[in-house]
C-alpha atoms as a PDB file:
ATOM      1  CA  UNK A   1     -16.033  23.913  -9.710  1.00  0.00           C
ATOM      2  CA  UNK A   2     -12.606  22.975 -10.630  1.00  0.00           C
ATOM      3  CA  UNK A   3     -13.501  22.193 -14.157  1.00  0.00           C
ATOM      4  CA  UNK A   4     -11.694  18.789 -15.600  1.00  0.00           C
ATOM      5  CA  UNK A   5      -9.726  21.228 -17.808  1.00  0.00           C
ATOM      6  CA  UNK A   6      -8.407  23.135 -14.949  1.00  0.00           C
ATOM      7  CA  UNK A   7      -4.886  25.114 -15.944  1.00  0.00           C
ATOM      8  CA  UNK A   8      -2.949  25.770 -13.112  1.00  0.00           C
ATOM      9  CA  UNK A   9      -2.689  29.470 -12.084  1.00  0.00           C
ATOM     10  CA  UNK A  10       0.875  31.702 -11.187  1.00  0.00           C
ATOM     11  CA  UNK A  11       0.251  34.911  -9.413  1.00  0.00           C
ATOM     12  CA  UNK A  12       1.092  38.215 -10.723  1.00  0.00           C
ATOM     13  CA  UNK A  13       4.678  38.954 -11.223  1.00  0.00           C
ATOM     14  CA  UNK A  14       6.130  35.668 -10.848  1.00  0.00           C
ATOM     15  CA  UNK A  15       8.062  33.794 -13.647  1.00  0.00           C
ATOM     16  CA  UNK A  16       6.020  30.676 -15.147  1.00  0.00           C
ATOM     17  CA  UNK A  17       7.797  27.589 -15.187  1.00  0.00           C
ATOM     18  CA  UNK A  18       7.765  25.451 -18.486  1.00  0.00           C
ATOM     19  CA  UNK A  19       4.182  24.077 -17.639  1.00  0.00           C
ATOM     20  CA  UNK A  20       3.405  20.205 -18.253  1.00  0.00           C
ATOM     21  CA  UNK A  21       0.138  18.716 -18.511  1.00  0.00           C
ATOM     22  CA  UNK A  22      -1.768  19.929 -15.553  1.00  0.00           C
ATOM     23  CA  UNK A  23      -4.009  17.700 -13.167  1.00  0.00           C
ATOM     24  CA  UNK A  24      -7.038  16.923 -14.928  1.00  0.00           C
ATOM     25  CA  UNK A  25      -9.729  15.252 -13.084  1.00  0.00           C
ATOM     26  CA  UNK A  26     -10.410  12.163 -15.069  1.00  0.00           C
ATOM     27  CA  UNK A  27       5.065 -24.690  -4.971  1.00  0.00           C
ATOM     28  CA  UNK A  28       6.919 -26.392  -5.786  1.00  0.00           C
ATOM     29  CA  UNK A  29       8.283 -28.866  -3.241  1.00  0.00           C
ATOM     30  CA  UNK A  30       9.792 -32.168  -3.787  1.00  0.00           C
ATOM     31  CA  UNK A  31       7.327 -35.046  -3.456  1.00  0.00           C
ATOM     32  CA  UNK A  32       8.223 -38.226  -1.503  1.00  0.00           C
ATOM     33  CA  UNK A  33       6.659 -41.542  -2.549  1.00  0.00           C
ATOM     34  CA  UNK A  34       3.721 -42.610  -0.437  1.00  0.00           C
ATOM     35  CA  UNK A  35       4.016 -45.933   1.246  1.00  0.00           C
ATOM     36  CA  UNK A  36       1.642 -48.425  -0.333  1.00  0.00           C
ATOM     37  CA  UNK A  37      -0.421 -49.523   2.500  1.00  0.00           C
ATOM     38  CA  UNK A  38      -4.291 -50.205   3.029  1.00  0.00           C
ATOM     39  CA  UNK A  39      -4.423 -47.529   5.677  1.00  0.00           C
ATOM     40  CA  UNK A  40      -3.733 -44.280   4.959  1.00  0.00           C
ATOM     41  CA  UNK A  41      -0.296 -42.584   6.309  1.00  0.00           C
ATOM     42  CA  UNK A  42       1.132 -39.789   6.583  1.00  0.00           C
ATOM     43  CA  UNK A  43       3.932 -38.736   4.090  1.00  0.00           C
ATOM     44  CA  UNK A  44       7.254 -39.193   6.091  1.00  0.00           C
ATOM     45  CA  UNK A  45       9.087 -35.703   6.959  1.00  0.00           C
ATOM     46  CA  UNK A  46      12.379 -35.283   4.698  1.00  0.00           C
ATOM     47  CA  UNK A  47      14.727 -32.183   5.717  1.00  0.00           C
ATOM     48  CA  UNK A  48      15.481 -29.865   3.207  1.00  0.00           C
ATOM     49  CA  UNK A  49      19.161 -31.029   3.537  1.00  0.00           C
ATOM     50  CA  UNK A  50      18.200 -34.552   2.224  1.00  0.00           C
ATOM     51  CA  UNK A  51      16.192 -33.085  -0.910  1.00  0.00           C
ATOM     52  CA  UNK A  52      17.579 -33.422  -4.447  1.00  0.00           C
ATOM     53  CA  UNK A  53      20.329 -30.383  -4.381  1.00  0.00           C
ATOM     54  CA  UNK A  54      18.142 -28.731  -7.281  1.00  0.00           C
ATOM     55  CA  UNK A  55      15.295 -28.554  -5.266  1.00  0.00           C
ATOM     56  CA  UNK A  56      16.821 -26.996  -2.269  1.00  0.00           C
ATOM     57  CA  UNK A  57      15.690 -23.434  -1.973  1.00  0.00           C
ATOM     58  CA  UNK A  58      19.262 -21.701  -1.575  1.00  0.00           C
ATOM     59  CA  UNK A  59      20.719 -24.171  -4.560  1.00  0.00           C
ATOM     60  CA  UNK A  60      18.034 -23.350  -6.454  1.00  0.00           C
ATOM     61  CA  UNK A  61      18.385 -19.908  -6.272  1.00  0.00           C
ATOM     62  CA  UNK A  62      22.329 -19.934  -6.954  1.00  0.00           C
ATOM     63  CA  UNK A  63      21.801 -22.522 -10.056  1.00  0.00           C
ATOM     64  CA  UNK A  64      18.374 -20.776 -11.784  1.00  0.00           C
ATOM     65  CA  UNK A  65      18.016 -17.315 -10.024  1.00  0.00           C
ATOM     66  CA  UNK A  66      15.580 -15.267  -7.561  1.00  0.00           C
ATOM     67  CA  UNK A  67      12.511 -15.928 -10.076  1.00  0.00           C
ATOM     68  CA  UNK A  68      13.086 -19.843 -10.237  1.00  0.00           C
ATOM     69  CA  UNK A  69      11.876 -19.462  -6.447  1.00  0.00           C
ATOM     70  CA  UNK A  70       8.243 -19.494  -4.705  1.00  0.00           C
ATOM     71  CA  UNK A  71       7.044 -16.950  -1.880  1.00  0.00           C
ATOM     72  CA  UNK A  72       7.468 -20.137   0.304  1.00  0.00           C
ATOM     73  CA  UNK A  73      10.870 -20.803  -0.930  1.00  0.00           C
ATOM     74  CA  UNK A  74      12.104 -17.529  -0.522  1.00  0.00           C
ATOM     75  CA  UNK A  75      11.051 -16.874   2.723  1.00  0.00           C
ATOM     76  CA  UNK A  76      12.165 -19.999   3.901  1.00  0.00           C
ATOM     77  CA  UNK A  77      15.653 -19.005   3.139  1.00  0.00           C
ATOM     78  CA  UNK A  78      15.081 -15.749   5.527  1.00  0.00           C
ATOM     79  CA  UNK A  79      13.711 -18.264   8.470  1.00  0.00           C
ATOM     80  CA  UNK A  80      16.535 -20.565   8.235  1.00  0.00           C
ATOM     81  CA  UNK A  81      14.943 -23.622   9.045  1.00  0.00           C
ATOM     82  CA  UNK A  82      11.592 -25.568  10.016  1.00  0.00           C
ATOM     83  CA  UNK A  83      10.777 -27.736  12.795  1.00  0.00           C
ATOM     84  CA  UNK A  84      11.800 -31.479  13.509  1.00  0.00           C
ATOM     85  CA  UNK A  85       8.705 -32.456  11.532  1.00  0.00           C
ATOM     86  CA  UNK A  86       8.380 -29.880   8.918  1.00  0.00           C
ATOM     87  CA  UNK A  87      10.566 -28.285   6.483  1.00  0.00           C
ATOM     88  CA  UNK A  88      11.325 -24.407   6.447  1.00  0.00           C
ATOM     89  CA  UNK A  89       9.220 -24.557   2.835  1.00  0.00           C
ATOM     90  CA  UNK A  90       6.804 -26.381   4.456  1.00  0.00           C
ATOM     91  CA  UNK A  91       6.104 -24.221   7.296  1.00  0.00           C
ATOM     92  CA  UNK A  92       6.273 -21.148   5.114  1.00  0.00           C
ATOM     93  CA  UNK A  93       3.462 -22.716   2.952  1.00  0.00           C
ATOM     94  CA  UNK A  94       1.657 -23.027   6.033  1.00  0.00           C
ATOM     95  CA  UNK A  95       1.975 -19.370   7.123  1.00  0.00           C
ATOM     96  CA  UNK A  96       1.126 -17.838   3.526  1.00  0.00           C
ATOM     97  CA  UNK A  97      -1.923 -20.464   3.320  1.00  0.00           C
ATOM     98  CA  UNK A  98      -2.988 -18.623   6.541  1.00  0.00           C
ATOM     99  CA  UNK A  99      -2.659 -14.983   4.731  1.00  0.00           C
ATOM    100  CA  UNK A 100      -4.783 -15.551   2.012  1.00  0.00           C
ATOM    101  CA  UNK A 101      -1.736 -17.433  -0.047  1.00  0.00           C
ATOM    102  CA  UNK A 102      -0.595 -13.833  -0.955  1.00  0.00           C
ATOM    103  CA  UNK A 103       2.520 -11.469   0.200  1.00  0.00           C
ATOM    104  CA  UNK A 104       0.243  -9.044   0.968  1.00  0.00           C
ATOM    105  CA  UNK A 105      -1.829 -11.363   3.757  1.00  0.00           C
ATOM    106  CA  UNK A 106       1.788 -10.966   5.636  1.00  0.00           C
ATOM    107  CA  UNK A 107       1.385  -7.138   6.156  1.00  0.00           C
ATOM    108  CA  UNK A 108      -1.858  -8.006   8.088  1.00  0.00           C
ATOM    109  CA  UNK A 109      -0.355 -10.580  10.963  1.00  0.00           C
ATOM    110  CA  UNK A 110       1.181  -9.217  13.919  1.00  0.00           C
ATOM    111  CA  UNK A 111       3.820 -10.778  16.005  1.00  0.00           C
ATOM    112  CA  UNK A 112       1.429 -12.711  18.050  1.00  0.00           C
ATOM    113  CA  UNK A 113      -0.122 -14.103  14.815  1.00  0.00           C
ATOM    114  CA  UNK A 114       3.105 -15.746  13.871  1.00  0.00           C
ATOM    115  CA  UNK A 115       4.003 -16.710  17.332  1.00  0.00           C
ATOM    116  CA  UNK A 116       1.075 -19.199  17.157  1.00  0.00           C
ATOM    117  CA  UNK A 117       2.489 -21.207  14.479  1.00  0.00           C
ATOM    118  CA  UNK A 118       4.468 -24.270  15.673  1.00  0.00           C
ATOM    119  CA  UNK A 119       8.073 -23.815  14.801  1.00  0.00           C
ATOM    120  CA  UNK A 120       8.257 -19.933  14.768  1.00  0.00           C
ATOM    121  CA  UNK A 121       9.696 -18.216  17.210  1.00  0.00           C
ATOM    122  CA  UNK A 122      10.082 -14.701  17.978  1.00  0.00           C
ATOM    123  CA  UNK A 123      13.470 -14.219  15.521  1.00  0.00           C
ATOM    124  CA  UNK A 124      11.704 -16.027  12.941  1.00  0.00           C
ATOM    125  CA  UNK A 125       8.337 -14.184  13.224  1.00  0.00           C
ATOM    126  CA  UNK A 126      10.337 -10.571  13.523  1.00  0.00           C
ATOM    127  CA  UNK A 127      12.525 -11.431  10.440  1.00  0.00           C
ATOM    128  CA  UNK A 128       8.837 -12.247   8.663  1.00  0.00           C
ATOM    129  CA  UNK A 129       7.585  -8.762   9.590  1.00  0.00           C
ATOM    130  CA  UNK A 130      10.375  -6.899   8.542  1.00  0.00           C
ATOM    131  CA  UNK A 131      10.585  -8.966   4.894  1.00  0.00           C
ATOM    132  CA  UNK A 132       7.036  -7.958   4.497  1.00  0.00           C
ATOM    133  CA  UNK A 133       7.553  -4.140   5.763  1.00  0.00           C
ATOM    134  CA  UNK A 134      10.531  -3.938   2.910  1.00  0.00           C
ATOM    135  CA  UNK A 135       8.319  -4.953   0.521  1.00  0.00           C
ATOM    136  CA  UNK A 136       5.662  -2.337   1.560  1.00  0.00           C
ATOM    137  CA  UNK A 137       8.453   0.138   1.464  1.00  0.00           C
ATOM    138  CA  UNK A 138       9.497  -0.665  -2.023  1.00  0.00           C
ATOM    139  CA  UNK A 139       6.353   0.184  -3.307  1.00  0.00           C
ATOM    140  CA  UNK A 140       6.204   3.701  -1.194  1.00  0.00           C
ATOM    141  CA  UNK A 141       9.511   4.472  -3.597  1.00  0.00           C
ATOM    142  CA  UNK A 142       7.900   3.755  -6.506  1.00  0.00           C
ATOM    143  CA  UNK A 143       5.293   6.080  -5.568  1.00  0.00           C
ATOM    144  CA  UNK A 144       7.355   8.685  -5.030  1.00  0.00           C
ATOM    145  CA  UNK A 145       8.779   8.775  -8.308  1.00  0.00           C
ATOM    146  CA  UNK A 146       5.553  10.584  -9.172  1.00  0.00           C
ATOM    147  CA  UNK A 147       6.533  14.010  -9.125  1.00  0.00           C
ATOM    148  CA  UNK A 148       3.587  15.564 -11.066  1.00  0.00           C
ATOM    149  CA  UNK A 149      -0.149  14.889 -10.090  1.00  0.00           C
ATOM    150  CA  UNK A 150      -2.242  15.110 -13.289  1.00  0.00           C
ATOM    151  CA  UNK A 151      -5.310  12.967 -13.165  1.00  0.00           C
ATOM    152  CA  UNK A 152      -6.992  11.165 -10.370  1.00  0.00           C
ATOM    153  CA  UNK A 153      -5.450   7.922 -11.318  1.00  0.00           C
ATOM    154  CA  UNK A 154      -2.355   9.188 -10.471  1.00  0.00           C
ATOM    155  CA  UNK A 155      -3.613  10.077  -7.013  1.00  0.00           C
ATOM    156  CA  UNK A 156      -4.585   6.419  -6.925  1.00  0.00           C
ATOM    157  CA  UNK A 157      -1.065   5.232  -7.921  1.00  0.00           C
ATOM    158  CA  UNK A 158       0.808   7.287  -5.325  1.00  0.00           C
ATOM    159  CA  UNK A 159      -1.440   6.654  -2.706  1.00  0.00           C
ATOM    160  CA  UNK A 160      -1.412   2.776  -2.965  1.00  0.00           C
ATOM    161  CA  UNK A 161       1.134   1.859  -0.867  1.00  0.00           C
ATOM    162  CA  UNK A 162      -0.079   4.266   1.910  1.00  0.00           C
ATOM    163  CA  UNK A 163      -3.611   2.723   2.256  1.00  0.00           C
ATOM    164  CA  UNK A 164      -2.632  -0.921   1.488  1.00  0.00           C
ATOM    165  CA  UNK A 165      -3.503  -3.108   4.821  1.00  0.00           C
ATOM    166  CA  UNK A 166      -5.070  -0.566   6.311  1.00  0.00           C
ATOM    167  CA  UNK A 167      -8.285  -1.308   8.290  1.00  0.00           C
ATOM    168  CA  UNK A 168      -9.159   1.919   9.490  1.00  0.00           C
ATOM    169  CA  UNK A 169      -9.464   5.231   7.775  1.00  0.00           C
ATOM    170  CA  UNK A 170      -6.784   8.086   7.199  1.00  0.00           C
ATOM    171  CA  UNK A 171      -6.791  11.347   5.253  1.00  0.00           C
ATOM    172  CA  UNK A 172      -4.236  13.072   3.653  1.00  0.00           C
ATOM    173  CA  UNK A 173      -3.340  16.127   1.584  1.00  0.00           C
ATOM    174  CA  UNK A 174      -1.679  16.542  -1.536  1.00  0.00           C
ATOM    175  CA  UNK A 175      -0.098  19.840  -1.767  1.00  0.00           C
ATOM    176  CA  UNK A 176       1.016  21.200  -5.108  1.00  0.00           C
ATOM    177  CA  UNK A 177       2.799  23.946  -6.861  1.00  0.00           C
ATOM    178  CA  UNK A 178       1.301  26.309  -9.727  1.00  0.00           C
ATOM    179  CA  UNK A 179       2.128  23.257 -12.287  1.00  0.00           C
ATOM    180  CA  UNK A 180       0.748  20.561 -10.131  1.00  0.00           C
ATOM    181  CA  UNK A 181       4.165  19.277  -8.992  1.00  0.00           C
ATOM    182  CA  UNK A 182       3.871  17.548  -5.494  1.00  0.00           C
ATOM    183  CA  UNK A 183       5.645  19.458  -2.972  1.00  0.00           C
ATOM    184  CA  UNK A 184       4.931  17.632   0.293  1.00  0.00           C
ATOM    185  CA  UNK A 185       1.757  14.668   1.439  1.00  0.00           C
ATOM    186  CA  UNK A 186       0.788  15.334   5.096  1.00  0.00           C
ATOM    187  CA  UNK A 187      -0.782  12.958   7.149  1.00  0.00           C
ATOM    188  CA  UNK A 188      -3.956  14.835   8.632  1.00  0.00           C
ATOM    189  CA  UNK A 189      -5.606  12.353  10.752  1.00  0.00           C
ATOM    190  CA  UNK A 190      -6.682   8.531  11.660  1.00  0.00           C
ATOM    191  CA  UNK A 191      -9.725   7.790  12.447  1.00  0.00           C
ATOM    192  CA  UNK A 192     -12.178   4.791  13.347  1.00  0.00           C
ATOM    193  CA  UNK A 193     -13.468   2.038  10.670  1.00  0.00           C
ATOM    194  CA  UNK A 194     -16.280   3.953   9.009  1.00  0.00           C
ATOM    195  CA  UNK A 195     -14.760   7.873   9.547  1.00  0.00           C
ATOM    196  CA  UNK A 196     -11.866  10.056  10.228  1.00  0.00           C
ATOM    197  CA  UNK A 197     -12.388  13.622  11.575  1.00  0.00           C
ATOM    198  CA  UNK A 198     -10.415  16.280   9.435  1.00  0.00           C
ATOM    199  CA  UNK A 199      -8.971  19.634  11.027  1.00  0.00           C
ATOM    200  CA  UNK A 200      -9.178  21.803   8.084  1.00  0.00           C
ATOM    201  CA  UNK A 201      -7.219  24.576  10.023  1.00  0.00           C
ATOM    202  CA  UNK A 202      -4.416  22.123  10.127  1.00  0.00           C
ATOM    203  CA  UNK A 203      -4.784  21.549   6.413  1.00  0.00           C
ATOM    204  CA  UNK A 204      -4.568  24.994   5.677  1.00  0.00           C
ATOM    205  CA  UNK A 205      -1.231  25.188   8.053  1.00  0.00           C
ATOM    206  CA  UNK A 206       0.510  22.788   6.413  1.00  0.00           C
ATOM    207  CA  UNK A 207      -0.327  24.235   2.884  1.00  0.00           C
ATOM    208  CA  UNK A 208       0.792  27.730   3.673  1.00  0.00           C
ATOM    209  CA  UNK A 209       4.234  26.195   5.344  1.00  0.00           C
ATOM    210  CA  UNK A 210       4.881  24.667   2.262  1.00  0.00           C
ATOM    211  CA  UNK A 211       3.854  27.688   0.117  1.00  0.00           C
ATOM    212  CA  UNK A 212       1.311  25.524  -1.855  1.00  0.00           C
ATOM    213  CA  UNK A 213      -0.995  26.819  -4.226  1.00  0.00           C
ATOM    214  CA  UNK A 214      -3.191  23.974  -5.054  1.00  0.00           C
ATOM    215  CA  UNK A 215      -4.018  20.940  -2.813  1.00  0.00           C
ATOM    216  CA  UNK A 216      -6.021  17.722  -3.201  1.00  0.00           C
ATOM    217  CA  UNK A 217      -7.753  16.077  -0.084  1.00  0.00           C
ATOM    218  CA  UNK A 218      -8.040  12.374  -0.164  1.00  0.00           C
ATOM    219  CA  UNK A 219      -9.288   9.577   2.122  1.00  0.00           C
ATOM    220  CA  UNK A 220      -9.342   5.970   2.391  1.00  0.00           C
ATOM    221  CA  UNK A 221     -12.488   3.656   2.597  1.00  0.00           C
ATOM    222  CA  UNK A 222     -10.974   0.521   3.931  1.00  0.00           C
ATOM    223  CA  UNK A 223     -14.445  -1.302   3.277  1.00  0.00           C
ATOM    224  CA  UNK A 224     -13.817  -0.879  -0.630  1.00  0.00           C
ATOM    225  CA  UNK A 225     -17.263   1.358  -0.581  1.00  0.00           C
ATOM    226  CA  UNK A 226     -16.240   4.181  -2.367  1.00  0.00           C
ATOM    227  CA  UNK A 227     -19.428   5.980  -2.464  1.00  0.00           C
ATOM    228  CA  UNK A 228     -19.022   9.213  -0.447  1.00  0.00           C
ATOM    229  CA  UNK A 229     -20.783   9.866   2.906  1.00  0.00           C
ATOM    230  CA  UNK A 230     -22.727  12.900   3.741  1.00  0.00           C
ATOM    231  CA  UNK A 231     -19.904  13.667   6.238  1.00  0.00           C
ATOM    232  CA  UNK A 232     -17.436  13.501   2.749  1.00  0.00           C
ATOM    233  CA  UNK A 233     -19.378  16.156   0.934  1.00  0.00           C
ATOM    234  CA  UNK A 234     -19.598  18.406   3.806  1.00  0.00           C
ATOM    235  CA  UNK A 235     -15.907  17.950   4.234  1.00  0.00           C
ATOM    236  CA  UNK A 236     -15.548  18.871   0.692  1.00  0.00           C
ATOM    237  CA  UNK A 237     -17.221  21.967   0.816  1.00  0.00           C
ATOM    238  CA  UNK A 238     -15.760  23.260   3.912  1.00  0.00           C
ATOM    239  CA  UNK A 239     -12.209  22.424   2.814  1.00  0.00           C
ATOM    240  CA  UNK A 240     -12.978  24.370  -0.420  1.00  0.00           C
ATOM    241  CA  UNK A 241     -14.027  27.268   1.167  1.00  0.00           C
ATOM    242  CA  UNK A 242     -11.099  27.456   3.533  1.00  0.00           C
ATOM    243  CA  UNK A 243      -8.922  26.883   0.870  1.00  0.00           C
ATOM    244  CA  UNK A 244     -10.509  29.819  -1.332  1.00  0.00           C
ATOM    245  CA  UNK A 245     -10.436  32.179   1.551  1.00  0.00           C
ATOM    246  CA  UNK A 246      -6.567  31.988   1.797  1.00  0.00           C
ATOM    247  CA  UNK A 247      -6.144  32.252  -2.254  1.00  0.00           C
ATOM    248  CA  UNK A 248      -5.178  27.787  -2.338  1.00  0.00           C
ATOM    249  CA  UNK A 249      -7.085  26.120  -4.724  1.00  0.00           C
ATOM    250  CA  UNK A 250      -8.621  23.015  -4.026  1.00  0.00           C
ATOM    251  CA  UNK A 251      -8.094  20.910  -7.055  1.00  0.00           C
ATOM    252  CA  UNK A 252     -10.304  17.363  -5.785  1.00  0.00           C
ATOM    253  CA  UNK A 253     -11.159  15.226  -3.423  1.00  0.00           C
ATOM    254  CA  UNK A 254     -10.320  11.738  -3.684  1.00  0.00           C
ATOM    255  CA  UNK A 255     -11.569   9.074  -2.057  1.00  0.00           C
ATOM    256  CA  UNK A 256      -9.206   5.609  -2.161  1.00  0.00           C
ATOM    257  CA  UNK A 257      -9.298   1.863  -1.439  1.00  0.00           C
ATOM    258  CA  UNK A 258      -7.046  -0.853  -2.603  1.00  0.00           C
ATOM    259  CA  UNK A 259      -9.899  -1.249  -5.602  1.00  0.00           C
ATOM    260  CA  UNK A 260     -10.429   2.194  -7.190  1.00  0.00           C
ATOM    261  CA  UNK A 261     -11.036   5.459  -6.346  1.00  0.00           C
ATOM    262  CA  UNK A 262     -13.797   8.089  -6.537  1.00  0.00           C
ATOM    263  CA  UNK A 263     -12.965  11.938  -7.476  1.00  0.00           C
ATOM    264  CA  UNK A 264     -15.343  14.800  -6.872  1.00  0.00           C
ATOM    265  CA  UNK A 265     -13.687  16.499  -9.370  1.00  0.00           C
ATOM    266  CA  UNK A 266     -14.362  13.625 -12.134  1.00  0.00           C
ATOM    267  CA  UNK A 267     -17.986  13.818 -11.203  1.00  0.00           C
ATOM    268  CA  UNK A 268     -18.429  17.507 -11.262  1.00  0.00           C
ATOM    269  CA  UNK A 269     -19.151  17.939  -7.391  1.00  0.00           C
ATOM    270  CA  UNK A 270     -16.169  20.494  -6.722  1.00  0.00           C
END
């Protein structure tokens, strides 16, 4: 069992690096006037070019900065225009609403999903998909700045860009050196909604290939339920024993979701 005060080791004869703390398992939109009538009527459509200049997305961005724009206004600039009955801002408000009024919802939309909206053709749909992916990759760049994995919380922070929007289970291994510095992250498997098979031999091959001395096994639970299954328990023991056979230490097995994590090491189960 790896204790919460695990100290990274150095093989005999090697010069130790300066050791930092090791891993420790611890809408606005311009309103148009409503015509007075005894019967309810729809508000007349007003093209963006007829809006007050300070309300037009491009002009608003130049005058007030990007922070002043809503998500719908930012996306409206990207797609360029709306329809004869709906402005680009209104169109993107509709798309965002379909995705739960969050930018994250865009990552769940496929090309076919977007093409169902009146006014969104292939070019606009691909622009939206590309914008969503850019945001996701930006998050991944931030996680790559973590050079040292010290806690289970660091694991979750590093893995969040990898697991967001996943609807199926995947598994990874983080390969570390003596000082808990990240050497490499490898995708081990992709599975179904409730499980994924991990080839322990492939995991060890990756560890040996990158000269790792420690590893952390990770998989996600897309349901958000972080309770480990019996299969998760069996995989943990199997991976630990396999690592011991080649003198590569298993530091933790972490189950992650967008809501949190479960650490076998923190729970004293390694």
